[in-house]
C-alpha atoms as a PDB file:
ATOM      1  CA  MET A   1      22.380  15.535 -28.434  1.00  0.00           C
ATOM      2  CA  ALA A   2      24.910  18.377 -28.429  1.00  0.00           C
ATOM      3  CA  ALA A   3      23.953  21.816 -27.121  1.00  0.00           C
ATOM      4  CA  VAL A   4      24.404  24.905 -29.279  1.00  0.00           C
ATOM      5  CA  LYS A   5      27.391  27.016 -28.332  1.00  0.00           C
ATOM      6  CA  THR A   6      27.166  30.739 -27.721  1.00  0.00           C
ATOM      7  CA  PRO A   7      28.702  32.612 -30.657  1.00  0.00           C
ATOM      8  CA  ARG A   8      32.100  34.093 -29.850  1.00  0.00           C
ATOM      9  CA  SER A   9      32.551  37.836 -30.303  1.00  0.00           C
ATOM     10  CA  ASP A  10      35.766  37.399 -32.269  1.00  0.00           C
ATOM     11  CA  ARG A  11      33.832  35.618 -35.008  1.00  0.00           C
ATOM     12  CA  ARG A  12      32.423  38.957 -36.167  1.00  0.00           C
ATOM     13  CA  THR A  13      35.756  39.953 -37.643  1.00  0.00           C
ATOM     14  CA  HIS A  14      35.974  36.695 -39.600  1.00  0.00           C
ATOM     15  CA  GLN A  15      32.501  36.451 -41.101  1.00  0.00           C
ATOM     16  CA  VAL A  16      32.249  34.397 -44.272  1.00  0.00           C
ATOM     17  CA  ARG A  17      29.909  35.680 -46.988  1.00  0.00           C
ATOM     18  CA  PRO A  18      28.512  33.668 -49.898  1.00  0.00           C
ATOM     19  CA  ILE A  19      30.687  33.882 -53.003  1.00  0.00           C
ATOM     20  CA  LEU A  20      27.757  33.183 -55.323  1.00  0.00           C
ATOM     21  CA  LYS A  21      24.838  35.493 -55.955  1.00  0.00           C
ATOM     22  CA  TRP A  22      21.734  33.356 -55.977  1.00  0.00           C
ATOM     23  CA  ALA A  23      18.149  33.731 -57.129  1.00  0.00           C
ATOM     24  CA  GLY A  24      16.259  33.428 -53.861  1.00  0.00           C
ATOM     25  CA  GLY A  25      19.420  33.650 -51.757  1.00  0.00           C
ATOM     26  CA  LYS A  26      18.614  33.757 -48.061  1.00  0.00           C
ATOM     27  CA  ARG A  27      20.931  36.415 -46.609  1.00  0.00           C
ATOM     28  CA  GLN A  28      18.139  38.975 -46.355  1.00  0.00           C
ATOM     29  CA  LEU A  29      15.831  36.413 -44.693  1.00  0.00           C
ATOM     30  CA  LEU A  30      18.352  35.295 -42.061  1.00  0.00           C
ATOM     31  CA  PRO A  31      16.815  37.294 -39.154  1.00  0.00           C
ATOM     32  CA  ALA A  32      13.553  35.396 -39.704  1.00  0.00           C
ATOM     33  CA  LEU A  33      15.210  32.027 -40.249  1.00  0.00           C
ATOM     34  CA  ARG A  34      17.323  32.316 -37.076  1.00  0.00           C
ATOM     35  CA  GLN A  35      14.183  32.298 -34.943  1.00  0.00           C
ATOM     36  CA  PHE A  36      13.689  28.671 -35.984  1.00  0.00           C
ATOM     37  CA  TYR A  37      17.206  27.328 -35.583  1.00  0.00           C
ATOM     38  CA  PRO A  38      16.770  24.542 -32.993  1.00  0.00           C
ATOM     39  CA  SER A  39      18.398  25.174 -29.618  1.00  0.00           C
ATOM     40  CA  GLN A  40      19.932  21.692 -29.722  1.00  0.00           C
ATOM     41  CA  PHE A  41      20.751  19.437 -32.646  1.00  0.00           C
ATOM     42  CA  ASP A  42      23.199  16.788 -33.808  1.00  0.00           C
ATOM     43  CA  ARG A  43      24.083  17.027 -37.513  1.00  0.00           C
ATOM     44  CA  PHE A  44      23.395  19.898 -39.907  1.00  0.00           C
ATOM     45  CA  VAL A  45      21.989  18.842 -43.279  1.00  0.00           C
ATOM     46  CA  GLU A  46      21.358  21.148 -46.246  1.00  0.00           C
ATOM     47  CA  PRO A  47      20.328  19.374 -49.480  1.00  0.00           C
ATOM     48  CA  PHE A  48      19.696  22.474 -51.652  1.00  0.00           C
ATOM     49  CA  LEU A  49      22.985  24.239 -50.956  1.00  0.00           C
ATOM     50  CA  GLY A  50      23.001  27.027 -53.565  1.00  0.00           C
ATOM     51  CA  SER A  51      24.858  30.016 -52.158  1.00  0.00           C
ATOM     52  CA  GLY A  52      25.014  28.365 -48.729  1.00  0.00           C
ATOM     53  CA  ALA A  53      23.765  31.403 -46.818  1.00  0.00           C
ATOM     54  CA  VAL A  54      22.204  29.411 -43.952  1.00  0.00           C
ATOM     55  CA  PHE A  55      25.168  27.038 -43.691  1.00  0.00           C
ATOM     56  CA  LEU A  56      27.518  30.026 -43.505  1.00  0.00           C
ATOM     57  CA  ASP A  57      25.304  31.808 -40.972  1.00  0.00           C
ATOM     58  CA  CYS A  58      25.420  28.747 -38.723  1.00  0.00           C
ATOM     59  CA  HIS A  59      29.179  28.512 -39.275  1.00  0.00           C
ATOM     60  CA  ASN A  60      29.713  32.199 -38.462  1.00  0.00           C
ATOM     61  CA  ARG A  61      27.664  31.883 -35.276  1.00  0.00           C
ATOM     62  CA  GLY A  62      29.614  28.836 -34.066  1.00  0.00           C
ATOM     63  CA  LEU A  63      26.586  26.551 -34.226  1.00  0.00           C
ATOM     64  CA  LEU A  64      28.368  23.849 -36.237  1.00  0.00           C
ATOM     65  CA  ASP A  65      31.421  23.410 -34.031  1.00  0.00           C
ATOM     66  CA  GLY A  66      31.958  19.727 -33.267  1.00  0.00           C
ATOM     67  CA  ARG A  67      29.128  18.627 -35.520  1.00  0.00           C
ATOM     68  CA  GLU A  68      28.912  16.631 -38.720  1.00  0.00           C
ATOM     69  CA  VAL A  69      27.798  18.756 -41.685  1.00  0.00           C
ATOM     70  CA  LEU A  70      26.198  17.237 -44.797  1.00  0.00           C
ATOM     71  CA  LEU A  71      25.942  19.669 -47.714  1.00  0.00           C
ATOM     72  CA  SER A  72      24.620  18.645 -51.102  1.00  0.00           C
ATOM     73  CA  ASP A  73      23.043  19.920 -54.278  1.00  0.00           C
ATOM     74  CA  ILE A  74      21.886  18.362 -57.530  1.00  0.00           C
ATOM     75  CA  ASN A  75      23.851  21.077 -59.328  1.00  0.00           C
ATOM     76  CA  ALA A  76      27.277  19.552 -60.002  1.00  0.00           C
ATOM     77  CA  ASP A  77      28.767  22.942 -60.912  1.00  0.00           C
ATOM     78  CA  VAL A  78      27.998  24.309 -57.454  1.00  0.00           C
ATOM     79  CA  ILE A  79      29.532  21.315 -55.678  1.00  0.00           C
ATOM     80  CA  GLY A  80      32.536  21.229 -58.026  1.00  0.00           C
ATOM     81  CA  CYS A  81      33.137  24.937 -57.444  1.00  0.00           C
ATOM     82  CA  TYR A  82      33.004  24.634 -53.657  1.00  0.00           C
ATOM     83  CA  ARG A  83      35.327  21.631 -53.706  1.00  0.00           C
ATOM     84  CA  MET A  84      37.901  23.665 -55.627  1.00  0.00           C
ATOM     85  CA  VAL A  85      37.559  26.624 -53.259  1.00  0.00           C
ATOM     86  CA  ARG A  86      38.162  24.219 -50.389  1.00  0.00           C
ATOM     87  CA  GLU A  87      41.078  22.381 -51.983  1.00  0.00           C
ATOM     88  CA  ALA A  88      42.827  25.027 -54.098  1.00  0.00           C
ATOM     89  CA  PRO A  89      41.781  28.508 -52.963  1.00  0.00           C
ATOM     90  CA  GLU A  90      44.890  30.319 -54.193  1.00  0.00           C
ATOM     91  CA  GLU A  91      44.548  28.853 -57.690  1.00  0.00           C
ATOM     92  CA  VAL A  92      40.881  29.873 -57.802  1.00  0.00           C
ATOM     93  CA  ILE A  93      41.789  33.372 -56.646  1.00  0.00           C
ATOM     94  CA  GLY A  94      44.524  33.695 -59.286  1.00  0.00           C
ATOM     95  CA  ALA A  95      42.200  32.600 -62.110  1.00  0.00           C
ATOM     96  CA  LEU A  96      39.417  34.856 -60.834  1.00  0.00           C
ATOM     97  CA  LEU A  97      41.714  37.894 -60.715  1.00  0.00           C
ATOM     98  CA  ASP A  98      42.564  37.271 -64.381  1.00  0.00           C
ATOM     99  CA  LEU A  99      38.860  37.115 -65.241  1.00  0.00           C
ATOM    100  CA  ASP A 100      38.278  40.297 -63.258  1.00  0.00           C
ATOM    101  CA  ALA A 101      40.937  42.093 -65.294  1.00  0.00           C
ATOM    102  CA  GLY A 102      39.414  40.867 -68.555  1.00  0.00           C
ATOM    103  CA  HIS A 103      35.959  42.011 -67.520  1.00  0.00           C
ATOM    104  CA  ARG A 104      37.147  45.483 -66.583  1.00  0.00           C
ATOM    105  CA  LYS A 105      38.729  45.773 -70.005  1.00  0.00           C
ATOM    106  CA  ASP A 106      35.994  44.340 -72.268  1.00  0.00           C
ATOM    107  CA  GLY A 107      32.850  43.988 -70.122  1.00  0.00           C
ATOM    108  CA  SER A 108      30.017  41.991 -71.708  1.00  0.00           C
ATOM    109  CA  ARG A 109      32.185  40.977 -74.655  1.00  0.00           C
ATOM    110  CA  HIS A 110      34.494  39.224 -72.222  1.00  0.00           C
ATOM    111  CA  PHE A 111      31.482  37.677 -70.419  1.00  0.00           C
ATOM    112  CA  TYR A 112      30.164  35.980 -73.568  1.00  0.00           C
ATOM    113  CA  LEU A 113      33.620  34.826 -74.613  1.00  0.00           C
ATOM    114  CA  VAL A 114      34.128  33.149 -71.249  1.00  0.00           C
ATOM    115  CA  ARG A 115      30.595  31.721 -71.169  1.00  0.00           C
ATOM    116  CA  ASP A 116      30.475  30.260 -74.674  1.00  0.00           C
ATOM    117  CA  GLU A 117      34.066  29.554 -75.679  1.00  0.00           C
ATOM    118  CA  ARG A 118      35.502  28.426 -72.366  1.00  0.00           C
ATOM    119  CA  PHE A 119      32.984  27.547 -69.655  1.00  0.00           C
ATOM    120  CA  ASN A 120      30.343  25.702 -71.699  1.00  0.00           C
ATOM    121  CA  ARG A 121      32.932  24.017 -73.898  1.00  0.00           C
ATOM    122  CA  LEU A 122      34.806  22.607 -70.903  1.00  0.00           C
ATOM    123  CA  ARG A 123      31.578  21.530 -69.183  1.00  0.00           C
ATOM    124  CA  GLU A 124      30.391  19.626 -72.242  1.00  0.00           C
ATOM    125  CA  GLU A 125      33.385  17.336 -72.014  1.00  0.00           C
ATOM    126  CA  ARG A 126      31.641  15.714 -69.027  1.00  0.00           C
ATOM    127  CA  LYS A 127      27.921  14.949 -69.242  1.00  0.00           C
ATOM    128  CA  ASP A 128      27.424  12.896 -66.086  1.00  0.00           C
ATOM    129  CA  SER A 129      26.755  15.239 -63.152  1.00  0.00           C
ATOM    130  CA  GLU A 130      28.921  13.512 -60.539  1.00  0.00           C
ATOM    131  CA  SER A 131      31.871  13.180 -62.904  1.00  0.00           C
ATOM    132  CA  LEU A 132      31.503  16.867 -63.757  1.00  0.00           C
ATOM    133  CA  ALA A 133      31.908  17.791 -60.103  1.00  0.00           C
ATOM    134  CA  SER A 134      34.804  15.375 -59.672  1.00  0.00           C
ATOM    135  CA  VAL A 135      36.740  16.825 -62.624  1.00  0.00           C
ATOM    136  CA  TYR A 136      36.110  20.466 -61.810  1.00  0.00           C
ATOM    137  CA  THR A 137      39.255  22.582 -61.931  1.00  0.00           C
ATOM    138  CA  PRO A 138      40.199  25.847 -60.235  1.00  0.00           C
ATOM    139  CA  GLU A 139      39.776  27.547 -63.639  1.00  0.00           C
ATOM    140  CA  LEU A 140      36.215  26.225 -64.007  1.00  0.00           C
ATOM    141  CA  ALA A 141      35.407  27.285 -60.444  1.00  0.00           C
ATOM    142  CA  ALA A 142      36.695  30.781 -61.136  1.00  0.00           C
ATOM    143  CA  MET A 143      34.649  30.969 -64.348  1.00  0.00           C
ATOM    144  CA  LEU A 144      31.489  29.922 -62.528  1.00  0.00           C
ATOM    145  CA  ILE A 145      32.023  32.590 -59.866  1.00  0.00           C
ATOM    146  CA  TYR A 146      32.778  35.207 -62.519  1.00  0.00           C
ATOM    147  CA  LEU A 147      29.735  34.373 -64.676  1.00  0.00           C
ATOM    148  CA  ASN A 148      27.510  34.237 -61.628  1.00  0.00           C
ATOM    149  CA  ARG A 149      28.600  37.606 -60.282  1.00  0.00           C
ATOM    150  CA  THR A 150      28.439  39.407 -63.629  1.00  0.00           C
ATOM    151  CA  GLY A 151      25.435  37.590 -65.146  1.00  0.00           C
ATOM    152  CA  PHE A 152      21.812  38.698 -65.015  1.00  0.00           C
ATOM    153  CA  ASN A 153      20.437  38.789 -61.445  1.00  0.00           C
ATOM    154  CA  GLY A 154      22.712  36.043 -60.140  1.00  0.00           C
ATOM    155  CA  LEU A 155      20.787  33.323 -61.952  1.00  0.00           C
ATOM    156  CA  PHE A 156      22.087  29.847 -62.642  1.00  0.00           C
ATOM    157  CA  ARG A 157      20.125  28.581 -65.625  1.00  0.00           C
ATOM    158  CA  VAL A 158      20.794  25.908 -68.216  1.00  0.00           C
ATOM    159  CA  ASN A 159      18.938  25.079 -71.423  1.00  0.00           C
ATOM    160  CA  SER A 160      17.674  21.644 -72.510  1.00  0.00           C
ATOM    161  CA  ARG A 161      21.183  20.779 -73.711  1.00  0.00           C
ATOM    162  CA  GLY A 162      22.645  21.595 -70.315  1.00  0.00           C
ATOM    163  CA  ARG A 163      24.437  24.739 -71.518  1.00  0.00           C
ATOM    164  CA  PHE A 164      24.683  27.700 -69.177  1.00  0.00           C
ATOM    165  CA  ASN A 165      22.715  30.448 -70.957  1.00  0.00           C
ATOM    166  CA  VAL A 166      22.310  33.342 -68.523  1.00  0.00           C
ATOM    167  CA  PRO A 167      22.935  36.683 -70.295  1.00  0.00           C
ATOM    168  CA  ALA A 168      25.328  39.350 -69.083  1.00  0.00           C
ATOM    169  CA  GLY A 169      24.010  41.643 -66.379  1.00  0.00           C
ATOM    170  CA  ARG A 170      24.121  45.405 -66.371  1.00  0.00           C
ATOM    171  CA  TYR A 171      26.063  46.619 -63.382  1.00  0.00           C
ATOM    172  CA  GLU A 172      27.798  49.926 -62.854  1.00  0.00           C
ATOM    173  CA  SER A 173      30.192  48.168 -60.513  1.00  0.00           C
ATOM    174  CA  VAL A 174      30.544  44.585 -59.332  1.00  0.00           C
ATOM    175  CA  THR A 175      32.897  42.801 -56.951  1.00  0.00           C
ATOM    176  CA  ILE A 176      34.207  39.783 -58.822  1.00  0.00           C
ATOM    177  CA  CYS A 177      37.016  38.643 -56.545  1.00  0.00           C
ATOM    178  CA  ASP A 178      37.335  39.054 -52.771  1.00  0.00           C
ATOM    179  CA  PRO A 179      40.459  37.028 -51.929  1.00  0.00           C
ATOM    180  CA  GLU A 180      40.106  37.168 -48.152  1.00  0.00           C
ATOM    181  CA  ASN A 181      36.496  36.027 -48.210  1.00  0.00           C
ATOM    182  CA  LEU A 182      37.401  33.163 -50.560  1.00  0.00           C
ATOM    183  CA  ARG A 183      40.114  32.066 -48.149  1.00  0.00           C
ATOM    184  CA  ARG A 184      37.685  32.194 -45.216  1.00  0.00           C
ATOM    185  CA  LEU A 185      35.172  30.138 -47.197  1.00  0.00           C
ATOM    186  CA  SER A 186      37.898  27.590 -47.940  1.00  0.00           C
ATOM    187  CA  VAL A 187      38.486  27.208 -44.200  1.00  0.00           C
ATOM    188  CA  ALA A 188      34.734  26.895 -43.515  1.00  0.00           C
ATOM    189  CA  LEU A 189      34.393  24.126 -46.108  1.00  0.00           C
ATOM    190  CA  ASP A 190      37.473  22.339 -44.800  1.00  0.00           C
ATOM    191  CA  ARG A 191      36.072  21.883 -41.308  1.00  0.00           C
ATOM    192  CA  PRO A 192      36.218  18.312 -39.918  1.00  0.00           C
ATOM    193  CA  ASP A 193      33.296  16.013 -40.751  1.00  0.00           C
ATOM    194  CA  LEU A 194      31.957  18.134 -43.610  1.00  0.00           C
ATOM    195  CA  ARG A 195      30.759  16.425 -46.808  1.00  0.00           C
ATOM    196  CA  LEU A 196      30.053  18.054 -50.175  1.00  0.00           C
ATOM    197  CA  ASP A 197      28.008  15.756 -52.393  1.00  0.00           C
ATOM    198  CA  VAL A 198      26.156  15.873 -55.692  1.00  0.00           C
ATOM    199  CA  SER A 199      22.819  14.361 -54.720  1.00  0.00           C
ATOM    200  CA  VAL A 200      19.087  14.477 -55.352  1.00  0.00           C
ATOM    201  CA  PHE A 201      17.237  15.669 -52.284  1.00  0.00           C
ATOM    202  CA  GLU A 202      15.652  12.264 -51.578  1.00  0.00           C
ATOM    203  CA  ASP A 203      19.062  10.631 -51.179  1.00  0.00           C
ATOM    204  CA  ALA A 204      20.305  13.444 -48.967  1.00  0.00           C
ATOM    205  CA  LEU A 205      17.238  13.299 -46.707  1.00  0.00           C
ATOM    206  CA  GLU A 206      17.475   9.529 -46.303  1.00  0.00           C
ATOM    207  CA  ARG A 207      20.683  10.124 -44.344  1.00  0.00           C
ATOM    208  CA  ALA A 208      18.960  12.513 -41.914  1.00  0.00           C
ATOM    209  CA  GLY A 209      17.005  11.508 -38.849  1.00  0.00           C
ATOM    210  CA  THR A 210      16.343  12.045 -35.177  1.00  0.00           C
ATOM    211  CA  GLY A 211      18.035  15.108 -33.721  1.00  0.00           C
ATOM    212  CA  ASP A 212      19.391  16.439 -37.022  1.00  0.00           C
ATOM    213  CA  PHE A 213      18.758  20.025 -38.170  1.00  0.00           C
ATOM    214  CA  VAL A 214      17.699  20.032 -41.818  1.00  0.00           C
ATOM    215  CA  TYR A 215      17.328  23.275 -43.750  1.00  0.00           C
ATOM    216  CA  LEU A 216      15.694  23.053 -47.183  1.00  0.00           C
ATOM    217  CA  ASP A 217      15.654  25.834 -49.767  1.00  0.00           C
ATOM    218  CA  PRO A 218      14.293  24.252 -52.963  1.00  0.00           C
ATOM    219  CA  PRO A 219      13.612  26.159 -56.179  1.00  0.00           C
ATOM    220  CA  TYR A 220      10.496  28.124 -55.319  1.00  0.00           C
ATOM    221  CA  ALA A 221       7.094  27.341 -56.774  1.00  0.00           C
ATOM    222  CA  PRO A 222       6.310  30.212 -59.193  1.00  0.00           C
ATOM    223  CA  LEU A 223       3.801  32.842 -58.113  1.00  0.00           C
ATOM    224  CA  SER A 224       2.763  33.466 -61.710  1.00  0.00           C
ATOM    225  CA  ARG A 225       3.007  31.857 -65.136  1.00  0.00           C
ATOM    226  CA  THR A 226       5.865  34.159 -66.096  1.00  0.00           C
ATOM    227  CA  ALA A 227       7.876  33.534 -62.911  1.00  0.00           C
ATOM    228  CA  GLN A 228       9.399  30.254 -64.050  1.00  0.00           C
ATOM    229  CA  PHE A 229      12.872  30.145 -62.498  1.00  0.00           C
ATOM    230  CA  THR A 230      13.027  26.355 -62.219  1.00  0.00           C
ATOM    231  CA  SER A 231      15.639  25.586 -64.902  1.00  0.00           C
ATOM    232  CA  TYR A 232      18.329  25.036 -62.304  1.00  0.00           C
ATOM    233  CA  THR A 233      19.064  21.734 -64.008  1.00  0.00           C
ATOM    234  CA  PRO A 234      17.844  20.445 -67.395  1.00  0.00           C
ATOM    235  CA  GLY A 235      15.039  18.477 -65.669  1.00  0.00           C
ATOM    236  CA  GLY A 236      13.637  21.497 -63.840  1.00  0.00           C
ATOM    237  CA  PHE A 237      11.799  21.542 -60.493  1.00  0.00           C
ATOM    238  CA  GLY A 238       8.054  21.669 -60.970  1.00  0.00           C
ATOM    239  CA  ALA A 239       4.837  20.598 -59.250  1.00  0.00           C
ATOM    240  CA  GLU A 240       5.762  16.902 -59.207  1.00  0.00           C
ATOM    241  CA  GLN A 241       9.078  17.620 -57.509  1.00  0.00           C
ATOM    242  CA  GLN A 242       7.383  19.930 -54.957  1.00  0.00           C
ATOM    243  CA  ALA A 243       4.947  17.123 -54.074  1.00  0.00           C
ATOM    244  CA  ARG A 244       7.786  14.608 -53.731  1.00  0.00           C
ATOM    245  CA  LEU A 245       9.632  17.035 -51.488  1.00  0.00           C
ATOM    246  CA  GLN A 246       6.558  17.488 -49.292  1.00  0.00           C
ATOM    247  CA  ARG A 247       6.301  13.725 -48.743  1.00  0.00           C
ATOM    248  CA  ALA A 248      10.010  13.508 -47.943  1.00  0.00           C
ATOM    249  CA  VAL A 249       9.753  16.425 -45.479  1.00  0.00           C
ATOM    250  CA  ILE A 250       6.778  14.828 -43.712  1.00  0.00           C
ATOM    251  CA  HIS A 251       8.696  11.553 -43.321  1.00  0.00           C
ATOM    252  CA  LEU A 252      11.710  13.495 -42.073  1.00  0.00           C
ATOM    253  CA  ALA A 253       9.635  15.254 -39.408  1.00  0.00           C
ATOM    254  CA  GLU A 254       8.081  11.950 -38.382  1.00  0.00           C
ATOM    255  CA  ARG A 255      11.594  10.533 -37.865  1.00  0.00           C
ATOM    256  CA  GLY A 256      12.321  13.267 -35.334  1.00  0.00           C
ATOM    257  CA  ALA A 257      14.451  15.704 -37.335  1.00  0.00           C
ATOM    258  CA  HIS A 258      14.286  19.465 -36.827  1.00  0.00           C
ATOM    259  CA  VAL A 259      12.961  20.726 -40.168  1.00  0.00           C
ATOM    260  CA  LEU A 260      13.058  24.243 -41.589  1.00  0.00           C
ATOM    261  CA  LEU A 261      11.871  24.807 -45.163  1.00  0.00           C
ATOM    262  CA  SER A 262      11.468  28.013 -47.155  1.00  0.00           C
ATOM    263  CA  ASN A 263       9.270  28.422 -50.225  1.00  0.00           C
ATOM    264  CA  SER A 264       6.950  30.839 -51.983  1.00  0.00           C
ATOM    265  CA  VAL A 265       3.327  31.414 -50.980  1.00  0.00           C
ATOM    266  CA  ALA A 266       2.132  29.950 -54.276  1.00  0.00           C
ATOM    267  CA  PRO A 267      -1.252  28.160 -54.025  1.00  0.00           C
ATOM    268  CA  GLU A 268       0.339  24.735 -54.550  1.00  0.00           C
ATOM    269  CA  ILE A 269       2.625  25.277 -51.543  1.00  0.00           C
ATOM    270  CA  THR A 270      -0.358  26.377 -49.444  1.00  0.00           C
ATOM    271  CA  GLN A 271      -2.094  23.112 -50.339  1.00  0.00           C
ATOM    272  CA  LEU A 272       0.991  21.005 -49.657  1.00  0.00           C
ATOM    273  CA  TYR A 273       1.742  22.429 -46.223  1.00  0.00           C
ATOM    274  CA  GLU A 274      -0.705  24.936 -44.709  1.00  0.00           C
ATOM    275  CA  LYS A 275      -3.836  22.997 -45.711  1.00  0.00           C
ATOM    276  CA  SER A 276      -2.396  19.494 -45.534  1.00  0.00           C
ATOM    277  CA  ALA A 277      -3.644  17.285 -42.712  1.00  0.00           C
ATOM    278  CA  GLU A 278      -0.602  15.015 -43.160  1.00  0.00           C
ATOM    279  CA  ALA A 279       1.808  17.933 -42.772  1.00  0.00           C
ATOM    280  CA  LYS A 280       0.017  19.195 -39.672  1.00  0.00           C
ATOM    281  CA  SER A 281      -0.059  15.698 -38.185  1.00  0.00           C
ATOM    282  CA  ALA A 282       3.736  15.536 -38.604  1.00  0.00           C
ATOM    283  CA  GLY A 283       4.042  18.750 -36.570  1.00  0.00           C
ATOM    284  CA  LEU A 284       4.774  21.053 -39.506  1.00  0.00           C
ATOM    285  CA  ARG A 285       3.431  24.599 -39.467  1.00  0.00           C
ATOM    286  CA  ALA A 286       3.528  27.104 -42.340  1.00  0.00           C
ATOM    287  CA  LYS A 287       4.332  30.675 -41.316  1.00  0.00           C
ATOM    288  CA  LYS A 288       4.369  33.696 -43.625  1.00  0.00           C
ATOM    289  CA  VAL A 289       7.225  36.159 -43.265  1.00  0.00           C
ATOM    290  CA  PRO A 290       8.092  39.304 -45.242  1.00  0.00           C
ATOM    291  CA  ALA A 291      10.871  39.033 -47.793  1.00  0.00           C
ATOM    292  CA  ARG A 292      12.145  41.111 -50.670  1.00  0.00           C
ATOM    293  CA  ARG A 293      11.695  40.052 -54.265  1.00  0.00           C
ATOM    294  CA  ALA A 294      15.035  40.439 -56.061  1.00  0.00           C
ATOM    295  CA  ILE A 295      14.409  38.530 -59.292  1.00  0.00           C
ATOM    296  CA  ASN A 296      12.314  40.282 -61.904  1.00  0.00           C
ATOM    297  CA  SER A 297      13.172  41.667 -65.320  1.00  0.00           C
ATOM    298  CA  ARG A 298      11.464  44.918 -64.307  1.00  0.00           C
ATOM    299  CA  ALA A 299      12.969  46.764 -61.377  1.00  0.00           C
ATOM    300  CA  THR A 300       9.572  48.278 -60.514  1.00  0.00           C
ATOM    301  CA  ARG A 301       8.223  44.785 -59.783  1.00  0.00           C
ATOM    302  CA  ARG A 302      10.885  44.010 -57.195  1.00  0.00           C
ATOM    303  CA  GLY A 303       9.851  44.687 -53.642  1.00  0.00           C
ATOM    304  CA  ALA A 304       8.357  43.295 -50.451  1.00  0.00           C
ATOM    305  CA  ILE A 305       6.434  40.006 -50.644  1.00  0.00           C
ATOM    306  CA  LEU A 306       5.534  37.185 -48.283  1.00  0.00           C
ATOM    307  CA  GLU A 307       7.269  33.824 -48.202  1.00  0.00           C
ATOM    308  CA  TYR A 308       6.616  30.635 -46.285  1.00  0.00           C
ATOM    309  CA  LEU A 309       8.790  29.264 -43.528  1.00  0.00           C
ATOM    310  CA  ILE A 310       7.614  25.719 -42.854  1.00  0.00           C
ATOM    311  CA  THR A 311       8.931  24.107 -39.699  1.00  0.00           C
ATOM    312  CA  ASN A 312       8.336  21.787 -36.788  1.00  0.00           C
ATOM    313  CA  VAL A 313      10.720  23.782 -34.579  1.00  0.00           C
ATOM    314  CA  ARG A 314       9.049  25.470 -31.648  1.00  0.00           C
ATOM    315  CA  THR A 315      10.533  28.768 -30.505  1.00  0.00           C
ATOM    316  CA  ALA A 316       9.796  30.656 -27.318  1.00  0.00           C
ATOM    317  CA  ARG A 317      11.762  33.670 -28.445  1.00  0.00           C
ATOM    318  CA  ARG A 318       9.921  36.788 -29.534  1.00  0.00           C
ATOM    319  CA  PRO A 319      10.388  37.046 -33.320  1.00  0.00           C
ATOM    320  CA  ALA A 320      12.265  40.061 -34.642  1.00  0.00           C
ATOM    321  CA  PHE A 321       9.934  40.176 -37.643  1.00  0.00           C
ATOM    322  CA  ARG A 322       6.273  39.973 -38.424  1.00  0.00           C
ATOM    323  CA  VAL A 323       4.810  36.449 -38.651  1.00  0.00           C
ATOM    324  CA  ASN A 324       1.377  35.846 -40.164  1.00  0.00           C
END
């Protein structure tokens, strides 16, 4: 089992930031999450990649050097986009700069033209998720980044037909293209022994086992009837999927993996983890940490909330945040 390296000071000038805004993105929760990074681990596995904030935090801190990294997501657009950033960063940057210029000229009109006449039309040519990722182009990757950064609250949402239907956001200013950060992300994704796969979480977790560090950030269970942000794919991610994930996480912990899972404090998650004898027997503990709600149609309803961190990682370090 490899020991974690001490982060090098020169890494601070080459930090990689997520290129996608993400509902439930974990950048603001990183100080809490870091307390439960295992001190030693073999592979790093992240089966709900999204914006990749935890992967990039581990990369920036030098924790992945010399290790195999398995990144996956059921969302073929996300994986296809990252593959293009890795393989053709300059082409993605060029296409994104063109989209940036169009947005500054025509704003939301340009957004809907790109969404409906270009992005969705090109996506519909491939229905199978893996083939969609495999035929992604730099132009499609640039369009995804553009729509994500200028759309409402950084959501990725598709309707029952699989069409991206997030409306335009209202921003006084928005950074659409950061060429240097895109180039740094390309390097991070091109590290040796890194895989980018389209995969359901069960398949991804079957590859993980003893000594691996697995971070899981599934679509959160809604705290209310109106907080349904589960349309990440046409099939959604509801109570059945949360229960399947719980069983997979318990088996993963029993196999000796270091598990760290984030989720909402919805009653169903409390039942699945905090009040579950099976979860406790596997060594999993549910801890509540403060977070900031960023996704709500009303700005007055965004603010501090509690979220669960569920883990079997023991830490002797004093937490730099309040744990309940």
